[in-house]
PDB file of N, CA and C in Angstrom:
ATOM      1  N   LYS A   1      -0.486   6.583  11.576  1.00  0.00           N
ATOM      2  CA  LYS A   1       0.816   6.126  12.007  1.00  0.00           C
ATOM      3  C   LYS A   1       1.762   5.923  10.828  1.00  0.00           C
ATOM      4  N   ILE A   2       1.320   6.243   9.644  1.00  0.00           N
ATOM      5  CA  ILE A   2       2.153   6.083   8.453  1.00  0.00           C
ATOM      6  C   ILE A   2       2.916   7.391   8.196  1.00  0.00           C
ATOM      7  N   ASN A   3       4.139   7.260   7.713  1.00  0.00           N
ATOM      8  CA  ASN A   3       4.963   8.415   7.404  1.00  0.00           C
ATOM      9  C   ASN A   3       4.215   9.333   6.433  1.00  0.00           C
ATOM     10  N   PRO A   4       4.131  10.631   6.723  1.00  0.00           N
ATOM     11  CA  PRO A   4       3.369  11.554   5.865  1.00  0.00           C
ATOM     12  C   PRO A   4       3.846  11.585   4.414  1.00  0.00           C
ATOM     13  N   ARG A   5       5.149  11.486   4.193  1.00  0.00           N
ATOM     14  CA  ARG A   5       5.660  11.492   2.813  1.00  0.00           C
ATOM     15  C   ARG A   5       5.270  10.218   2.086  1.00  0.00           C
ATOM     16  N   THR A   6       5.342   9.089   2.789  1.00  0.00           N
ATOM     17  CA  THR A   6       4.926   7.817   2.195  1.00  0.00           C
ATOM     18  C   THR A   6       3.440   7.860   1.872  1.00  0.00           C
ATOM     19  N   ARG A   7       2.656   8.374   2.801  1.00  0.00           N
ATOM     20  CA  ARG A   7       1.210   8.489   2.594  1.00  0.00           C
ATOM     21  C   ARG A   7       0.914   9.364   1.374  1.00  0.00           C
ATOM     22  N   ALA A   8       1.652  10.452   1.206  1.00  0.00           N
ATOM     23  CA  ALA A   8       1.438  11.347   0.066  1.00  0.00           C
ATOM     24  C   ALA A   8       1.745  10.657  -1.259  1.00  0.00           C
ATOM     25  N   VAL A   9       2.826   9.881  -1.298  1.00  0.00           N
ATOM     26  CA  VAL A   9       3.180   9.154  -2.524  1.00  0.00           C
ATOM     27  C   VAL A   9       2.105   8.126  -2.856  1.00  0.00           C
ATOM     28  N   LEU A  10       1.690   7.351  -1.851  1.00  0.00           N
ATOM     29  CA  LEU A  10       0.660   6.335  -2.073  1.00  0.00           C
ATOM     30  C   LEU A  10      -0.658   6.972  -2.506  1.00  0.00           C
ATOM     31  N   ALA A  11      -1.006   8.097  -1.921  1.00  0.00           N
ATOM     32  CA  ALA A  11      -2.230   8.805  -2.311  1.00  0.00           C
ATOM     33  C   ALA A  11      -2.113   9.324  -3.739  1.00  0.00           C
ATOM     34  N   GLY A  12      -0.946   9.832  -4.095  1.00  0.00           N
ATOM     35  CA  GLY A  12      -0.714  10.318  -5.448  1.00  0.00           C
ATOM     36  C   GLY A  12      -0.830   9.228  -6.494  1.00  0.00           C
ATOM     37  N   MET A  13      -0.465   8.008  -6.117  1.00  0.00           N
ATOM     38  CA  MET A  13      -0.571   6.864  -7.025  1.00  0.00           C
ATOM     39  C   MET A  13      -1.996   6.299  -7.051  1.00  0.00           C
ATOM     40  N   GLY A  14      -2.842   6.750  -6.138  1.00  0.00           N
ATOM     41  CA  GLY A  14      -4.214   6.267  -6.090  1.00  0.00           C
ATOM     42  C   GLY A  14      -4.418   5.060  -5.202  1.00  0.00           C
ATOM     43  N   ILE A  15      -3.389   4.653  -4.472  1.00  0.00           N
ATOM     44  CA  ILE A  15      -3.460   3.446  -3.648  1.00  0.00           C
ATOM     45  C   ILE A  15      -4.112   3.723  -2.302  1.00  0.00           C
ATOM     46  N   TYR A  16      -3.786   4.848  -1.693  1.00  0.00           N
ATOM     47  CA  TYR A  16      -4.237   5.170  -0.337  1.00  0.00           C
ATOM     48  C   TYR A  16      -5.236   6.314  -0.382  1.00  0.00           C
ATOM     49  N   GLN A  17      -6.320   6.187   0.399  1.00  0.00           N
ATOM     50  CA  GLN A  17      -7.286   7.273   0.516  1.00  0.00           C
ATOM     51  C   GLN A  17      -7.443   7.619   1.987  1.00  0.00           C
ATOM     52  N   ASP A  18      -7.150   8.855   2.327  1.00  0.00           N
ATOM     53  CA  ASP A  18      -7.230   9.303   3.714  1.00  0.00           C
ATOM     54  C   ASP A  18      -8.684   9.322   4.178  1.00  0.00           C
ATOM     55  N   GLY A  19      -8.908   8.921   5.413  1.00  0.00           N
ATOM     56  CA  GLY A  19     -10.241   8.967   5.992  1.00  0.00           C
ATOM     57  C   GLY A  19     -11.084   7.728   5.775  1.00  0.00           C
ATOM     58  N   ILE A  20     -10.592   6.759   5.027  1.00  0.00           N
ATOM     59  CA  ILE A  20     -11.348   5.533   4.743  1.00  0.00           C
ATOM     60  C   ILE A  20     -11.196   4.518   5.873  1.00  0.00           C
ATOM     61  N   ALA A  21     -10.008   4.417   6.440  1.00  0.00           N
ATOM     62  CA  ALA A  21      -9.704   3.393   7.451  1.00  0.00           C
ATOM     63  C   ALA A  21     -10.509   3.611   8.728  1.00  0.00           C
ATOM     64  N   LYS A  22     -10.997   2.527   9.280  1.00  0.00           N
ATOM     65  CA  LYS A  22     -11.733   2.541  10.548  1.00  0.00           C
ATOM     66  C   LYS A  22     -10.876   1.874  11.617  1.00  0.00           C
ATOM     67  N   GLN A  23     -10.975   2.347  12.845  1.00  0.00           N
ATOM     68  CA  GLN A  23     -10.216   1.761  13.954  1.00  0.00           C
ATOM     69  C   GLN A  23     -10.876   0.503  14.490  1.00  0.00           C
ATOM     70  N   GLN A  24     -12.207   0.424  14.349  1.00  0.00           N
ATOM     71  CA  GLN A  24     -12.946  -0.747  14.818  1.00  0.00           C
ATOM     72  C   GLN A  24     -14.028  -1.111  13.810  1.00  0.00           C
ATOM     73  N   VAL A  25     -14.311  -2.420  13.731  1.00  0.00           N
ATOM     74  CA  VAL A  25     -15.410  -2.926  12.917  1.00  0.00           C
ATOM     75  C   VAL A  25     -16.204  -3.885  13.786  1.00  0.00           C
ATOM     76  N   ASN A  26     -17.496  -3.646  13.903  1.00  0.00           N
ATOM     77  CA  ASN A  26     -18.371  -4.466  14.751  1.00  0.00           C
ATOM     78  C   ASN A  26     -17.832  -4.596  16.172  1.00  0.00           C
ATOM     79  N   GLY A  27     -17.259  -3.516  16.693  1.00  0.00           N
ATOM     80  CA  GLY A  27     -16.767  -3.506  18.066  1.00  0.00           C
ATOM     81  C   GLY A  27     -15.413  -4.148  18.281  1.00  0.00           C
ATOM     82  N   GLU A  28     -14.779  -4.656  17.225  1.00  0.00           N
ATOM     83  CA  GLU A  28     -13.458  -5.288  17.347  1.00  0.00           C
ATOM     84  C   GLU A  28     -12.397  -4.394  16.723  1.00  0.00           C
ATOM     85  N   ASP A  29     -11.221  -4.337  17.372  1.00  0.00           N
ATOM     86  CA  ASP A  29     -10.115  -3.546  16.838  1.00  0.00           C
ATOM     87  C   ASP A  29      -9.663  -4.103  15.496  1.00  0.00           C
ATOM     88  N   VAL A  30      -9.318  -3.203  14.595  1.00  0.00           N
ATOM     89  CA  VAL A  30      -8.826  -3.587  13.273  1.00  0.00           C
ATOM     90  C   VAL A  30      -7.346  -3.921  13.382  1.00  0.00           C
ATOM     91  N   THR A  31      -6.928  -5.017  12.761  1.00  0.00           N
ATOM     92  CA  THR A  31      -5.532  -5.449  12.778  1.00  0.00           C
ATOM     93  C   THR A  31      -4.738  -4.774  11.665  1.00  0.00           C
ATOM     94  N   ALA A  32      -5.358  -4.641  10.488  1.00  0.00           N
ATOM     95  CA  ALA A  32      -4.663  -4.068   9.334  1.00  0.00           C
ATOM     96  C   ALA A  32      -5.680  -3.491   8.360  1.00  0.00           C
ATOM     97  N   HIS A  33      -5.187  -2.667   7.471  1.00  0.00           N
ATOM     98  CA  HIS A  33      -6.007  -2.073   6.421  1.00  0.00           C
ATOM     99  C   HIS A  33      -5.400  -2.502   5.089  1.00  0.00           C
ATOM    100  N   ILE A  34      -6.215  -3.032   4.198  1.00  0.00           N
ATOM    101  CA  ILE A  34      -5.726  -3.469   2.891  1.00  0.00           C
ATOM    102  C   ILE A  34      -6.344  -2.566   1.828  1.00  0.00           C
ATOM    103  N   TYR A  35      -5.478  -1.981   1.017  1.00  0.00           N
ATOM    104  CA  TYR A  35      -5.906  -1.112  -0.070  1.00  0.00           C
ATOM    105  C   TYR A  35      -5.529  -1.792  -1.382  1.00  0.00           C
ATOM    106  N   GLU A  36      -6.414  -1.707  -2.371  1.00  0.00           N
ATOM    107  CA  GLU A  36      -6.153  -2.305  -3.680  1.00  0.00           C
ATOM    108  C   GLU A  36      -6.426  -1.259  -4.745  1.00  0.00           C
ATOM    109  N   TYR A  37      -5.571  -1.256  -5.757  1.00  0.00           N
ATOM    110  CA  TYR A  37      -5.747  -0.314  -6.855  1.00  0.00           C
ATOM    111  C   TYR A  37      -5.201  -0.957  -8.119  1.00  0.00           C
ATOM    112  N   THR A  38      -5.951  -0.849  -9.197  1.00  0.00           N
ATOM    113  CA  THR A  38      -5.494  -1.368 -10.482  1.00  0.00           C
ATOM    114  C   THR A  38      -5.303  -0.188 -11.422  1.00  0.00           C
ATOM    115  N   THR A  39      -4.171  -0.160 -12.087  1.00  0.00           N
ATOM    116  CA  THR A  39      -3.853   0.933 -12.999  1.00  0.00           C
ATOM    117  C   THR A  39      -3.172   0.362 -14.237  1.00  0.00           C
ATOM    118  N   GLN A  40      -2.889   1.207 -15.178  1.00  0.00           N
ATOM    119  CA  GLN A  40      -2.120   0.807 -16.354  1.00  0.00           C
ATOM    120  C   GLN A  40      -0.899   1.708 -16.427  1.00  0.00           C
ATOM    121  N   MET A  41       0.260   1.079 -16.493  1.00  0.00           N
ATOM    122  CA  MET A  41       1.495   1.864 -16.525  1.00  0.00           C
ATOM    123  C   MET A  41       2.580   1.128 -17.294  1.00  0.00           C
ATOM    124  N   THR A  42       3.580   1.858 -17.662  1.00  0.00           N
ATOM    125  CA  THR A  42       4.747   1.314 -18.340  1.00  0.00           C
ATOM    126  C   THR A  42       5.988   1.886 -17.668  1.00  0.00           C
ATOM    127  N   LEU A  43       6.990   1.044 -17.468  1.00  0.00           N
ATOM    128  CA  LEU A  43       8.273   1.514 -16.941  1.00  0.00           C
ATOM    129  C   LEU A  43       9.206   1.773 -18.112  1.00  0.00           C
ATOM    130  N   GLU A  44       9.843   2.913 -18.091  1.00  0.00           N
ATOM    131  CA  GLU A  44      10.792   3.266 -19.134  1.00  0.00           C
ATOM    132  C   GLU A  44      12.124   3.598 -18.472  1.00  0.00           C
ATOM    133  N   ILE A  45      13.189   2.966 -18.947  1.00  0.00           N
ATOM    134  CA  ILE A  45      14.516   3.191 -18.369  1.00  0.00           C
ATOM    135  C   ILE A  45      15.394   3.892 -19.402  1.00  0.00           C
ATOM    136  N   LYS A  46      15.873   5.078 -19.031  1.00  0.00           N
ATOM    137  CA  LYS A  46      16.778   5.832 -19.896  1.00  0.00           C
ATOM    138  C   LYS A  46      17.957   6.295 -19.069  1.00  0.00           C
ATOM    139  N   LYS A  47      19.143   5.921 -19.489  1.00  0.00           N
ATOM    140  CA  LYS A  47      20.380   6.320 -18.806  1.00  0.00           C
ATOM    141  C   LYS A  47      20.345   5.980 -17.319  1.00  0.00           C
ATOM    142  N   GLY A  48      19.784   4.813 -17.005  1.00  0.00           N
ATOM    143  CA  GLY A  48      19.755   4.349 -15.621  1.00  0.00           C
ATOM    144  C   GLY A  48      18.673   4.967 -14.755  1.00  0.00           C
ATOM    145  N   ILE A  49      17.826   5.786 -15.344  1.00  0.00           N
ATOM    146  CA  ILE A  49      16.734   6.417 -14.597  1.00  0.00           C
ATOM    147  C   ILE A  49      15.420   5.744 -14.982  1.00  0.00           C
ATOM    148  N   VAL A  50      14.685   5.302 -13.974  1.00  0.00           N
ATOM    149  CA  VAL A  50      13.408   4.633 -14.206  1.00  0.00           C
ATOM    150  C   VAL A  50      12.290   5.660 -14.138  1.00  0.00           C
ATOM    151  N   GLN A  51      11.476   5.682 -15.177  1.00  0.00           N
ATOM    152  CA  GLN A  51      10.324   6.581 -15.208  1.00  0.00           C
ATOM    153  C   GLN A  51       9.053   5.749 -15.335  1.00  0.00           C
ATOM    154  N   VAL A  52       8.030   6.144 -14.621  1.00  0.00           N
ATOM    155  CA  VAL A  52       6.732   5.486 -14.728  1.00  0.00           C
ATOM    156  C   VAL A  52       5.854   6.358 -15.613  1.00  0.00           C
ATOM    157  N   LYS A  53       5.319   5.744 -16.666  1.00  0.00           N
ATOM    158  CA  LYS A  53       4.470   6.485 -17.592  1.00  0.00           C
ATOM    159  C   LYS A  53       3.157   5.740 -17.770  1.00  0.00           C
ATOM    160  N   LYS A  54       2.137   6.499 -18.166  1.00  0.00           N
ATOM    161  CA  LYS A  54       0.868   5.853 -18.472  1.00  0.00           C
ATOM    162  C   LYS A  54       1.089   4.917 -19.642  1.00  0.00           C
ATOM    163  N   GLY A  55       0.502   3.746 -19.549  1.00  0.00           N
ATOM    164  CA  GLY A  55       0.690   2.775 -20.609  1.00  0.00           C
ATOM    165  C   GLY A  55      -0.476   1.824 -20.684  1.00  0.00           C
ATOM    166  N   ASN A  56      -0.221   0.664 -21.276  1.00  0.00           N
ATOM    167  CA  ASN A  56      -1.296  -0.298 -21.453  1.00  0.00           C
ATOM    168  C   ASN A  56      -1.037  -1.615 -20.732  1.00  0.00           C
ATOM    169  N   THR A  57      -0.077  -1.630 -19.821  1.00  0.00           N
ATOM    170  CA  THR A  57       0.198  -2.827 -19.033  1.00  0.00           C
ATOM    171  C   THR A  57      -0.561  -2.719 -17.711  1.00  0.00           C
ATOM    172  N   PRO A  58      -1.550  -3.610 -17.494  1.00  0.00           N
ATOM    173  CA  PRO A  58      -2.295  -3.527 -16.233  1.00  0.00           C
ATOM    174  C   PRO A  58      -1.437  -3.966 -15.046  1.00  0.00           C
ATOM    175  N   VAL A  59      -1.520  -3.205 -13.975  1.00  0.00           N
ATOM    176  CA  VAL A  59      -0.770  -3.504 -12.757  1.00  0.00           C
ATOM    177  C   VAL A  59      -1.742  -3.407 -11.579  1.00  0.00           C
ATOM    178  N   GLN A  60      -1.787  -4.462 -10.775  1.00  0.00           N
ATOM    179  CA  GLN A  60      -2.619  -4.439  -9.579  1.00  0.00           C
ATOM    180  C   GLN A  60      -1.706  -4.214  -8.383  1.00  0.00           C
ATOM    181  N   ILE A  61      -2.026  -3.215  -7.584  1.00  0.00           N
ATOM    182  CA  ILE A  61      -1.210  -2.864  -6.430  1.00  0.00           C
ATOM    183  C   ILE A  61      -2.004  -3.155  -5.167  1.00  0.00           C
ATOM    184  N   LEU A  62      -1.404  -3.923  -4.263  1.00  0.00           N
ATOM    185  CA  LEU A  62      -1.996  -4.207  -2.962  1.00  0.00           C
ATOM    186  C   LEU A  62      -1.102  -3.591  -1.900  1.00  0.00           C
ATOM    187  N   PHE A  63      -1.703  -2.884  -0.976  1.00  0.00           N
ATOM    188  CA  PHE A  63      -0.960  -2.227   0.091  1.00  0.00           C
ATOM    189  C   PHE A  63      -1.607  -2.596   1.411  1.00  0.00           C
ATOM    190  N   CYS A  64      -0.826  -3.172   2.313  1.00  0.00           N
ATOM    191  CA  CYS A  64      -1.331  -3.591   3.618  1.00  0.00           C
ATOM    192  C   CYS A  64      -0.670  -2.734   4.696  1.00  0.00           C
ATOM    193  N   LEU A  65      -1.483  -2.032   5.458  1.00  0.00           N
ATOM    194  CA  LEU A  65      -0.998  -1.168   6.530  1.00  0.00           C
ATOM    195  C   LEU A  65      -1.421  -1.764   7.865  1.00  0.00           C
ATOM    196  N   LYS A  66      -0.447  -2.236   8.634  1.00  0.00           N
ATOM    197  CA  LYS A  66      -0.739  -2.819   9.946  1.00  0.00           C
ATOM    198  C   LYS A  66      -0.982  -1.721  10.969  1.00  0.00           C
ATOM    199  N   GLU A  67      -1.759  -2.051  11.977  1.00  0.00           N
ATOM    200  CA  GLU A  67      -2.018  -1.112  13.064  1.00  0.00           C
ATOM    201  C   GLU A  67      -0.875  -1.096  14.069  1.00  0.00           C
ATOM    202  N   LYS A  68      -0.208  -2.232  14.275  1.00  0.00           N
ATOM    203  CA  LYS A  68       0.870  -2.313  15.262  1.00  0.00           C
ATOM    204  C   LYS A  68       2.164  -2.740  14.583  1.00  0.00           C
ATOM    205  N   ASN A  69       3.253  -2.031  14.867  1.00  0.00           N
ATOM    206  CA  ASN A  69       4.561  -2.386  14.330  1.00  0.00           C
ATOM    207  C   ASN A  69       5.208  -3.421  15.239  1.00  0.00           C
ATOM    208  N   GLN A  70       5.521  -4.592  14.675  1.00  0.00           N
ATOM    209  CA  GLN A  70       6.155  -5.649  15.462  1.00  0.00           C
ATOM    210  C   GLN A  70       7.495  -6.055  14.861  1.00  0.00           C
ATOM    211  N   LYS A  71       8.152  -5.114  14.254  1.00  0.00           N
ATOM    212  CA  LYS A  71       9.469  -5.303  13.644  1.00  0.00           C
ATOM    213  C   LYS A  71       9.369  -6.131  12.366  1.00  0.00           C
ATOM    214  N   LYS A  72      10.442  -6.123  11.594  1.00  0.00           N
ATOM    215  CA  LYS A  72      10.440  -6.687  10.246  1.00  0.00           C
ATOM    216  C   LYS A  72      10.124  -8.181  10.199  1.00  0.00           C
ATOM    217  N   ILE A  73      10.813  -8.999  10.969  1.00  0.00           N
ATOM    218  CA  ILE A  73      10.612 -10.447  10.885  1.00  0.00           C
ATOM    219  C   ILE A  73       9.183 -10.814  11.257  1.00  0.00           C
ATOM    220  N   ASN A  74       8.678 -10.257  12.335  1.00  0.00           N
ATOM    221  CA  ASN A  74       7.303 -10.541  12.713  1.00  0.00           C
ATOM    222  C   ASN A  74       6.322 -10.051  11.656  1.00  0.00           C
ATOM    223  N   SER A  75       6.628  -8.947  10.995  1.00  0.00           N
ATOM    224  CA  SER A  75       5.752  -8.426   9.955  1.00  0.00           C
ATOM    225  C   SER A  75       5.643  -9.402   8.793  1.00  0.00           C
ATOM    226  N   HIS A  76       6.765  -9.951   8.364  1.00  0.00           N
ATOM    227  CA  HIS A  76       6.736 -10.919   7.270  1.00  0.00           C
ATOM    228  C   HIS A  76       5.945 -12.158   7.676  1.00  0.00           C
ATOM    229  N   ARG A  77       6.215 -12.673   8.846  1.00  0.00           N
ATOM    230  CA  ARG A  77       5.503 -13.861   9.341  1.00  0.00           C
ATOM    231  C   ARG A  77       4.010 -13.565   9.434  1.00  0.00           C
ATOM    232  N   TRP A  78       3.671 -12.432   9.989  1.00  0.00           N
ATOM    233  CA  TRP A  78       2.284 -12.025  10.159  1.00  0.00           C
ATOM    234  C   TRP A  78       1.573 -11.943   8.811  1.00  0.00           C
ATOM    235  N   PHE A  79       2.213 -11.326   7.824  1.00  0.00           N
ATOM    236  CA  PHE A  79       1.596 -11.139   6.512  1.00  0.00           C
ATOM    237  C   PHE A  79       1.338 -12.470   5.824  1.00  0.00           C
ATOM    238  N   PHE A  80       2.342 -13.335   5.791  1.00  0.00           N
ATOM    239  CA  PHE A  80       2.197 -14.587   5.056  1.00  0.00           C
ATOM    240  C   PHE A  80       1.322 -15.608   5.771  1.00  0.00           C
ATOM    241  N   GLN A  81       1.123 -15.446   7.064  1.00  0.00           N
ATOM    242  CA  GLN A  81       0.211 -16.328   7.782  1.00  0.00           C
ATOM    243  C   GLN A  81      -1.194 -15.733   7.832  1.00  0.00           C
ATOM    244  N   ALA A  82      -1.385 -14.586   7.192  1.00  0.00           N
ATOM    245  CA  ALA A  82      -2.692 -13.913   7.096  1.00  0.00           C
ATOM    246  C   ALA A  82      -3.305 -13.645   8.456  1.00  0.00           C
ATOM    247  N   ARG A  83      -2.510 -13.075   9.347  1.00  0.00           N
ATOM    248  CA  ARG A  83      -3.024 -12.743  10.676  1.00  0.00           C
ATOM    249  C   ARG A  83      -3.270 -11.274  10.800  1.00  0.00           C
TER     250      ARG A  83
END
């Protein structure tokens, strides 16, 4: 249910792996999928253009993909209440 272009970018960054997510665990529907990836990168800004380059600054990326879209406000509430 994720936009194919978004999925491609996340996969290219190493955050998302296709085929890993399960629809059910122990007979219960999955509410969300959480992906974690740690990398090292540096941001470089030249003439107003931001470039991401390999570097020595560790960055941990967390990506949460919900199974059901409940609009923006509910999504924020849902995420911060860990539901």
